[in-house]
Every structure is written in structure tokens, then in C-alpha cells.
């Protein structure tokens, strides 16, 4: 995938997130807490470019298509929305270099979030970010 097409995919995903944000007032009476929104567009791709998996995570209350929304929201809550502050889990990961890039954009309690990091493999990604980027079935 070329650099230009990666930008196009990210732009399309950000437009999708914006459209979801516009739908938020209609959802306000459906049990959402008042106050700043916490929603993230999460993507994981092989290598340093490209998007293979993407989903939107809503917190307060946890929902969306994220398969572990409650766990991801709890970890983000404990880290005050800072993905890099999520404590690393003890894991024995293989020393196989198969890089994956994780990206999160959106807002946490009204503060903007823009996180991107490339990990040496999926095991390291999961150990370092917990449930947040657990987008595909185990």
C-alpha cells in the first residue's frame, strides 16, 4: 500500500468517526453519562503502514464493536486515557519480527487523543496495550 493510499484510508476512517460523533446527540438519552465524550477510532495494521483492523470504542458506558470494550475502557480509565501509561503485562513473546502499528484517535474525557506506535509483533502489542487494541478474535 502506498503512502498516499494510507493517508486516504486514515482520512476515510476519521470521516467515519466524525459521522459517529454527529450521531451522539441522538444517543444521549440512551444511558450515556453527561459530560465529555470518550470515543476512540482504533486501527491496527501490519508493518508500519496500512490498516487491517479498525473499530470505534465508546466508553461511558463501554460499547461499540470492540470485542473487549469493558476491559479496554477500564484500562484506559486507570491510565487516565493515556495508552502509553497502561502498565505492561507480563508476557513471554517470541522474538519474531512481524511489526504491527497501532493507532488511536478521538477523545478521552473531552481531551484529544492521537496515539501511534509500531511494535515488533502482535504479542508485544497486546502485552503493552492490554485490551485496547484487541480488535480481532484471539
N, C-alpha and C. Protein backbone atom coordinates (compact mmCIF):
# COMPACT_ATOMS: atom_id res chain seq x y z
N UNK A 1 0.85 -1.16 0.00
CA UNK A 1 0.00 0.00 0.00
C UNK A 1 0.90 1.23 0.00
N UNK A 2 0.60 2.17 -0.82
CA UNK A 2 1.44 3.35 -0.93
C UNK A 2 1.12 4.34 0.18
N UNK A 3 2.03 5.27 0.38
CA UNK A 3 1.85 6.28 1.41
C UNK A 3 0.58 7.09 1.17
N UNK A 4 0.29 7.39 -0.09
CA UNK A 4 -0.90 8.16 -0.42
C UNK A 4 -2.16 7.40 -0.06
N UNK A 5 -2.21 6.10 -0.33
CA UNK A 5 -3.42 5.34 -0.03
C UNK A 5 -3.60 5.15 1.47
N UNK A 6 -2.52 5.09 2.24
CA UNK A 6 -2.63 5.01 3.69
C UNK A 6 -3.28 6.29 4.21
N UNK A 7 -2.86 7.42 3.69
CA UNK A 7 -3.48 8.68 4.09
C UNK A 7 -4.96 8.69 3.73
N UNK A 8 -5.30 8.16 2.58
CA UNK A 8 -6.70 8.14 2.15
C UNK A 8 -7.53 7.24 3.08
N UNK A 9 -6.98 6.10 3.47
CA UNK A 9 -7.69 5.19 4.37
C UNK A 9 -7.87 5.86 5.73
N UNK A 10 -6.82 6.46 6.25
CA UNK A 10 -6.94 7.14 7.55
C UNK A 10 -7.94 8.28 7.48
N UNK A 11 -7.92 9.03 6.39
CA UNK A 11 -8.87 10.14 6.24
C UNK A 11 -10.30 9.61 6.21
N UNK A 12 -10.52 8.52 5.50
CA UNK A 12 -11.86 7.93 5.44
C UNK A 12 -12.31 7.45 6.82
N UNK A 13 -11.39 6.86 7.57
CA UNK A 13 -11.74 6.40 8.91
C UNK A 13 -12.04 7.56 9.84
N UNK A 14 -11.30 8.66 9.69
CA UNK A 14 -11.57 9.84 10.52
C UNK A 14 -12.91 10.45 10.17
N UNK A 15 -13.29 10.42 8.88
CA UNK A 15 -14.61 10.91 8.47
C UNK A 15 -15.68 10.04 9.11
N UNK A 16 -15.46 8.72 9.13
CA UNK A 16 -16.43 7.81 9.75
C UNK A 16 -16.58 8.14 11.23
N UNK A 17 -15.47 8.41 11.91
CA UNK A 17 -15.52 8.78 13.33
C UNK A 17 -16.29 10.08 13.52
N UNK A 18 -16.07 11.03 12.64
CA UNK A 18 -16.78 12.31 12.72
C UNK A 18 -18.29 12.10 12.53
N UNK A 19 -18.66 11.23 11.62
CA UNK A 19 -20.08 10.94 11.41
C UNK A 19 -20.69 10.28 12.65
N UNK A 20 -19.94 9.41 13.29
CA UNK A 20 -20.42 8.81 14.53
C UNK A 20 -20.58 9.86 15.62
N UNK A 21 -19.67 10.82 15.65
CA UNK A 21 -19.75 11.88 16.64
C UNK A 21 -20.99 12.73 16.42
N UNK A 22 -21.36 12.94 15.16
CA UNK A 22 -22.56 13.71 14.86
C UNK A 22 -23.81 12.98 15.32
N UNK A 23 -23.75 11.66 15.39
CA UNK A 23 -24.90 10.87 15.83
C UNK A 23 -25.03 10.85 17.35
N UNK A 24 -24.02 11.33 18.07
CA UNK A 24 -24.01 11.27 19.52
C UNK A 24 -25.21 11.96 20.18
N UNK A 25 -25.68 13.13 19.73
CA UNK A 25 -26.82 13.74 20.39
C UNK A 25 -28.05 12.85 20.36
N UNK A 26 -28.24 12.09 19.30
CA UNK A 26 -29.39 11.21 19.21
C UNK A 26 -29.28 10.08 20.22
N UNK A 27 -28.07 9.74 20.62
CA UNK A 27 -27.85 8.65 21.56
C UNK A 27 -27.84 9.14 23.01
N UNK A 28 -27.86 10.44 23.23
CA UNK A 28 -27.66 10.98 24.56
C UNK A 28 -28.67 10.45 25.57
N UNK A 29 -29.90 10.21 25.17
CA UNK A 29 -30.90 9.72 26.09
C UNK A 29 -30.82 8.23 26.32
N UNK A 30 -29.90 7.54 25.71
CA UNK A 30 -29.82 6.08 25.78
C UNK A 30 -28.88 5.61 26.88
N UNK A 31 -28.79 6.35 27.99
CA UNK A 31 -27.99 5.89 29.12
C UNK A 31 -26.58 6.43 29.17
N UNK A 32 -26.22 7.34 28.30
CA UNK A 32 -24.88 7.92 28.32
C UNK A 32 -24.79 8.95 29.44
N UNK A 33 -23.63 8.99 30.07
CA UNK A 33 -23.40 9.96 31.13
C UNK A 33 -23.19 11.33 30.52
N UNK A 34 -23.68 12.38 31.17
CA UNK A 34 -23.39 13.71 30.66
C UNK A 34 -21.91 14.03 30.85
N UNK A 35 -21.43 14.94 30.09
CA UNK A 35 -20.03 15.33 30.21
C UNK A 35 -19.26 15.00 28.94
N UNK A 36 -17.96 15.21 28.99
CA UNK A 36 -17.13 15.00 27.81
C UNK A 36 -17.18 13.55 27.33
N UNK A 37 -17.17 13.40 26.03
CA UNK A 37 -17.21 12.08 25.42
C UNK A 37 -15.86 11.39 25.50
N UNK A 38 -15.91 10.07 25.51
CA UNK A 38 -14.72 9.24 25.42
C UNK A 38 -14.96 8.23 24.30
N UNK A 39 -14.41 8.52 23.13
CA UNK A 39 -14.56 7.61 21.99
C UNK A 39 -13.28 7.65 21.19
N UNK A 40 -12.87 6.47 20.75
CA UNK A 40 -11.62 6.35 20.02
C UNK A 40 -11.82 5.52 18.77
N UNK A 41 -11.22 5.95 17.70
CA UNK A 41 -11.11 5.15 16.48
C UNK A 41 -9.79 4.41 16.62
N UNK A 42 -9.85 3.09 16.66
CA UNK A 42 -8.67 2.26 16.86
C UNK A 42 -8.37 1.49 15.59
N UNK A 43 -7.11 1.50 15.16
CA UNK A 43 -6.71 0.73 13.99
C UNK A 43 -5.42 -0.04 14.30
N UNK A 44 -5.29 -1.19 13.69
CA UNK A 44 -4.08 -2.00 13.78
C UNK A 44 -3.75 -2.45 12.37
N UNK A 45 -2.49 -2.29 11.99
CA UNK A 45 -2.06 -2.69 10.66
C UNK A 45 -0.74 -3.42 10.69
N UNK A 46 -0.53 -4.26 9.73
CA UNK A 46 0.74 -4.97 9.60
C UNK A 46 1.79 -4.01 9.07
N UNK A 47 3.00 -4.13 9.57
CA UNK A 47 4.08 -3.24 9.14
C UNK A 47 3.90 -1.86 9.75
N UNK A 48 4.50 -0.91 9.10
CA UNK A 48 4.43 0.46 9.60
C UNK A 48 3.37 1.29 8.90
N UNK A 49 2.75 0.71 7.87
CA UNK A 49 1.68 1.40 7.16
C UNK A 49 0.56 0.41 6.89
N UNK A 50 -0.58 0.91 6.54
CA UNK A 50 -1.70 0.06 6.20
C UNK A 50 -2.60 -0.20 7.39
N UNK A 51 -3.87 -0.40 7.12
CA UNK A 51 -4.86 -0.68 8.15
C UNK A 51 -5.51 -2.01 7.82
N UNK A 52 -5.46 -2.94 8.77
CA UNK A 52 -6.10 -4.22 8.58
C UNK A 52 -7.36 -4.36 9.42
N UNK A 53 -7.32 -3.86 10.64
CA UNK A 53 -8.46 -3.94 11.54
C UNK A 53 -8.75 -2.55 12.08
N UNK A 54 -10.02 -2.23 12.19
CA UNK A 54 -10.41 -0.93 12.73
C UNK A 54 -11.75 -1.06 13.45
N UNK A 55 -11.93 -0.29 14.49
CA UNK A 55 -13.20 -0.25 15.20
C UNK A 55 -13.29 1.06 15.99
N UNK A 56 -14.47 1.38 16.43
CA UNK A 56 -14.68 2.54 17.29
C UNK A 56 -15.00 2.03 18.68
N UNK A 57 -14.34 2.56 19.67
CA UNK A 57 -14.56 2.22 21.07
C UNK A 57 -15.22 3.40 21.75
N UNK A 58 -16.39 3.18 22.32
CA UNK A 58 -17.08 4.19 23.12
C UNK A 58 -16.97 3.78 24.57
N UNK A 59 -16.72 4.72 25.44
CA UNK A 59 -16.74 4.46 26.88
C UNK A 59 -17.79 5.38 27.50
N UNK A 60 -18.23 5.05 28.69
CA UNK A 60 -19.25 5.81 29.43
C UNK A 60 -20.64 5.66 28.82
N UNK A 61 -21.20 4.53 28.75
CA UNK A 61 -20.73 3.20 29.12
C UNK A 61 -19.96 2.56 27.97
N UNK A 62 -19.19 1.50 28.28
CA UNK A 62 -18.43 0.82 27.23
C UNK A 62 -19.37 0.19 26.20
N UNK A 63 -19.11 0.46 24.93
CA UNK A 63 -19.89 -0.13 23.86
C UNK A 63 -19.18 0.03 22.54
N UNK A 64 -19.81 -0.39 21.50
CA UNK A 64 -19.23 -0.34 20.18
C UNK A 64 -18.93 -1.76 19.70
N UNK A 65 -18.24 -1.88 18.61
CA UNK A 65 -17.94 -3.19 18.05
C UNK A 65 -16.65 -3.77 18.60
N UNK A 66 -16.04 -3.10 19.52
CA UNK A 66 -14.81 -3.58 20.13
C UNK A 66 -15.14 -4.84 20.93
N UNK A 67 -14.40 -5.92 20.71
CA UNK A 67 -14.75 -7.21 21.33
C UNK A 67 -14.51 -7.24 22.83
N UNK A 68 -13.67 -6.36 23.35
CA UNK A 68 -13.39 -6.30 24.80
C UNK A 68 -13.57 -4.87 25.29
N UNK A 69 -14.69 -4.26 24.94
CA UNK A 69 -14.93 -2.84 25.24
C UNK A 69 -14.83 -2.54 26.74
N UNK A 70 -15.45 -3.36 27.58
CA UNK A 70 -15.43 -3.08 29.02
C UNK A 70 -14.01 -3.12 29.57
N UNK A 71 -13.22 -4.13 29.16
CA UNK A 71 -11.83 -4.23 29.62
C UNK A 71 -11.00 -3.05 29.12
N UNK A 72 -11.17 -2.70 27.84
CA UNK A 72 -10.40 -1.60 27.25
C UNK A 72 -10.73 -0.28 27.96
N UNK A 73 -12.01 -0.04 28.21
CA UNK A 73 -12.39 1.21 28.88
C UNK A 73 -11.86 1.25 30.31
N UNK A 74 -11.88 0.11 31.00
CA UNK A 74 -11.35 0.07 32.37
C UNK A 74 -9.85 0.37 32.39
N UNK A 75 -9.11 -0.20 31.43
CA UNK A 75 -7.67 0.07 31.37
C UNK A 75 -7.38 1.53 31.02
N UNK A 76 -8.17 2.08 30.12
CA UNK A 76 -7.99 3.49 29.77
C UNK A 76 -8.35 4.39 30.96
N UNK A 77 -9.39 4.03 31.69
CA UNK A 77 -9.78 4.80 32.88
C UNK A 77 -8.64 4.81 33.89
N UNK A 78 -8.04 3.65 34.13
CA UNK A 78 -6.95 3.55 35.10
C UNK A 78 -5.72 4.35 34.66
N UNK A 79 -5.55 4.51 33.35
CA UNK A 79 -4.39 5.24 32.81
C UNK A 79 -4.76 6.67 32.42
N UNK A 80 -5.93 7.15 32.85
CA UNK A 80 -6.40 8.50 32.53
C UNK A 80 -6.41 8.75 31.02
N UNK A 81 -6.76 7.72 30.26
CA UNK A 81 -6.89 7.87 28.82
C UNK A 81 -5.58 7.85 28.05
N UNK A 82 -4.46 7.69 28.74
CA UNK A 82 -3.15 7.69 28.08
C UNK A 82 -2.73 6.25 27.79
N UNK A 83 -2.81 5.85 26.55
CA UNK A 83 -2.50 4.47 26.16
C UNK A 83 -1.07 4.11 26.56
N UNK A 84 -0.15 5.03 26.41
CA UNK A 84 1.25 4.76 26.76
C UNK A 84 1.44 4.55 28.26
N UNK A 85 0.46 4.92 29.07
CA UNK A 85 0.56 4.75 30.52
C UNK A 85 -0.07 3.45 31.02
N UNK A 86 -0.64 2.66 30.12
CA UNK A 86 -1.21 1.37 30.52
C UNK A 86 -0.04 0.48 30.95
N UNK A 87 -0.11 -0.10 32.14
CA UNK A 87 1.00 -0.94 32.61
C UNK A 87 1.21 -2.15 31.70
N UNK A 88 2.46 -2.45 31.40
CA UNK A 88 2.78 -3.60 30.56
C UNK A 88 2.45 -4.89 31.30
N UNK A 89 1.89 -5.84 30.59
CA UNK A 89 1.57 -7.14 31.17
C UNK A 89 2.79 -8.04 31.08
N UNK A 90 2.90 -8.97 32.02
CA UNK A 90 3.95 -9.98 31.93
C UNK A 90 3.59 -10.93 30.79
N UNK A 91 4.46 -11.06 29.84
CA UNK A 91 4.22 -11.94 28.70
C UNK A 91 5.54 -12.45 28.17
N UNK A 92 5.52 -13.65 27.68
CA UNK A 92 6.69 -14.20 27.01
C UNK A 92 6.36 -14.19 25.52
N UNK A 93 6.95 -13.25 24.81
CA UNK A 93 6.67 -13.08 23.39
C UNK A 93 7.81 -13.66 22.56
N UNK A 94 7.48 -14.25 21.42
CA UNK A 94 8.53 -14.79 20.56
C UNK A 94 9.36 -13.66 19.98
N UNK A 95 10.60 -13.96 19.67
CA UNK A 95 11.48 -12.96 19.07
C UNK A 95 11.36 -13.03 17.55
N UNK A 96 10.14 -12.91 17.09
CA UNK A 96 9.85 -12.91 15.66
C UNK A 96 9.47 -11.48 15.29
N UNK A 97 10.16 -10.95 14.29
CA UNK A 97 9.87 -9.58 13.87
C UNK A 97 8.79 -9.61 12.81
N UNK A 98 7.59 -9.23 13.22
CA UNK A 98 6.44 -9.11 12.33
C UNK A 98 5.70 -7.85 12.78
N UNK A 99 6.23 -6.67 12.42
CA UNK A 99 5.75 -5.42 13.01
C UNK A 99 4.26 -5.14 12.78
N UNK A 100 3.66 -4.56 13.81
CA UNK A 100 2.27 -4.10 13.75
C UNK A 100 2.24 -2.67 14.27
N UNK A 101 1.43 -1.85 13.62
CA UNK A 101 1.30 -0.45 14.03
C UNK A 101 -0.11 -0.23 14.57
N UNK A 102 -0.18 0.32 15.77
CA UNK A 102 -1.45 0.64 16.41
C UNK A 102 -1.65 2.16 16.37
N UNK A 103 -2.88 2.56 16.08
CA UNK A 103 -3.20 3.98 16.02
C UNK A 103 -4.54 4.21 16.71
N UNK A 104 -4.60 5.24 17.52
CA UNK A 104 -5.86 5.65 18.17
C UNK A 104 -6.03 7.15 17.98
N UNK A 105 -7.23 7.54 17.61
CA UNK A 105 -7.53 8.97 17.52
C UNK A 105 -8.96 9.17 17.99
N UNK A 106 -9.20 10.31 18.56
CA UNK A 106 -10.52 10.64 19.08
C UNK A 106 -10.40 11.50 20.30
N UNK A 107 -11.18 11.17 21.34
CA UNK A 107 -11.12 11.97 22.56
C UNK A 107 -11.32 11.08 23.78
N UNK A 108 -10.72 11.52 24.88
CA UNK A 108 -10.90 10.86 26.17
C UNK A 108 -11.27 11.94 27.18
N UNK A 109 -12.49 11.87 27.70
CA UNK A 109 -12.99 12.86 28.65
C UNK A 109 -12.86 14.28 28.11
N UNK A 110 -13.08 14.42 26.79
CA UNK A 110 -13.01 15.73 26.16
C UNK A 110 -11.64 16.15 25.70
N UNK A 111 -10.58 15.40 26.06
CA UNK A 111 -9.21 15.72 25.63
C UNK A 111 -8.90 14.95 24.35
N UNK A 112 -8.25 15.60 23.38
CA UNK A 112 -7.92 14.89 22.15
C UNK A 112 -6.89 13.77 22.38
N UNK A 113 -7.05 12.70 21.63
CA UNK A 113 -6.13 11.56 21.68
C UNK A 113 -5.60 11.33 20.28
N UNK A 114 -4.29 11.22 20.16
CA UNK A 114 -3.65 10.86 18.90
C UNK A 114 -2.42 10.02 19.26
N UNK A 115 -2.56 8.73 19.14
CA UNK A 115 -1.52 7.78 19.55
C UNK A 115 -1.16 6.88 18.38
N UNK A 116 0.12 6.74 18.10
CA UNK A 116 0.60 5.80 17.09
C UNK A 116 1.90 5.20 17.59
N UNK A 117 1.99 3.88 17.52
CA UNK A 117 3.22 3.20 17.90
C UNK A 117 3.33 1.90 17.11
N UNK A 118 4.54 1.58 16.67
CA UNK A 118 4.82 0.32 15.98
C UNK A 118 5.50 -0.62 16.95
N UNK A 119 4.98 -1.84 17.05
CA UNK A 119 5.50 -2.87 17.94
C UNK A 119 6.14 -3.98 17.11
N UNK A 120 7.10 -4.71 17.68
CA UNK A 120 7.78 -5.75 16.90
C UNK A 120 6.88 -6.90 16.47
N UNK A 121 5.80 -7.17 17.24
CA UNK A 121 4.86 -8.22 16.87
C UNK A 121 3.57 -8.04 17.67
N UNK A 122 2.57 -8.85 17.34
CA UNK A 122 1.26 -8.73 17.98
C UNK A 122 1.33 -9.05 19.47
N UNK A 123 2.14 -10.02 19.84
CA UNK A 123 2.27 -10.38 21.26
C UNK A 123 2.75 -9.18 22.07
N UNK A 124 3.73 -8.48 21.57
CA UNK A 124 4.24 -7.29 22.25
C UNK A 124 3.19 -6.19 22.29
N UNK A 125 2.45 -6.01 21.21
CA UNK A 125 1.35 -5.03 21.18
C UNK A 125 0.35 -5.34 22.29
N UNK A 126 -0.07 -6.59 22.39
CA UNK A 126 -1.06 -6.97 23.40
C UNK A 126 -0.52 -6.82 24.81
N UNK A 127 0.74 -7.18 25.01
CA UNK A 127 1.34 -7.06 26.34
C UNK A 127 1.47 -5.59 26.76
N UNK A 128 1.72 -4.73 25.82
CA UNK A 128 1.97 -3.31 26.11
C UNK A 128 0.70 -2.46 26.19
N UNK A 129 -0.35 -2.85 25.45
CA UNK A 129 -1.57 -2.02 25.39
C UNK A 129 -2.81 -2.70 25.95
N UNK A 130 -2.65 -3.89 26.50
CA UNK A 130 -3.77 -4.60 27.09
C UNK A 130 -4.90 -4.86 26.12
N UNK A 131 -6.12 -4.61 26.55
CA UNK A 131 -7.31 -4.89 25.75
C UNK A 131 -7.61 -3.82 24.71
N UNK A 132 -6.95 -2.67 24.79
CA UNK A 132 -7.31 -1.54 23.94
C UNK A 132 -7.24 -1.90 22.46
N UNK A 133 -6.19 -2.56 22.02
CA UNK A 133 -6.05 -2.90 20.60
C UNK A 133 -6.36 -4.37 20.33
N UNK A 134 -7.12 -5.02 21.20
CA UNK A 134 -7.55 -6.40 20.98
C UNK A 134 -8.77 -6.36 20.06
N UNK A 135 -8.51 -6.16 18.78
CA UNK A 135 -9.60 -5.94 17.82
C UNK A 135 -10.06 -7.21 17.14
N UNK A 136 -9.22 -8.21 17.06
CA UNK A 136 -9.58 -9.45 16.37
C UNK A 136 -9.70 -10.58 17.39
N UNK A 137 -10.48 -11.60 17.06
CA UNK A 137 -10.60 -12.73 17.98
C UNK A 137 -9.25 -13.36 18.26
N UNK A 138 -9.08 -13.84 19.49
CA UNK A 138 -7.81 -14.44 19.90
C UNK A 138 -7.56 -15.75 19.18
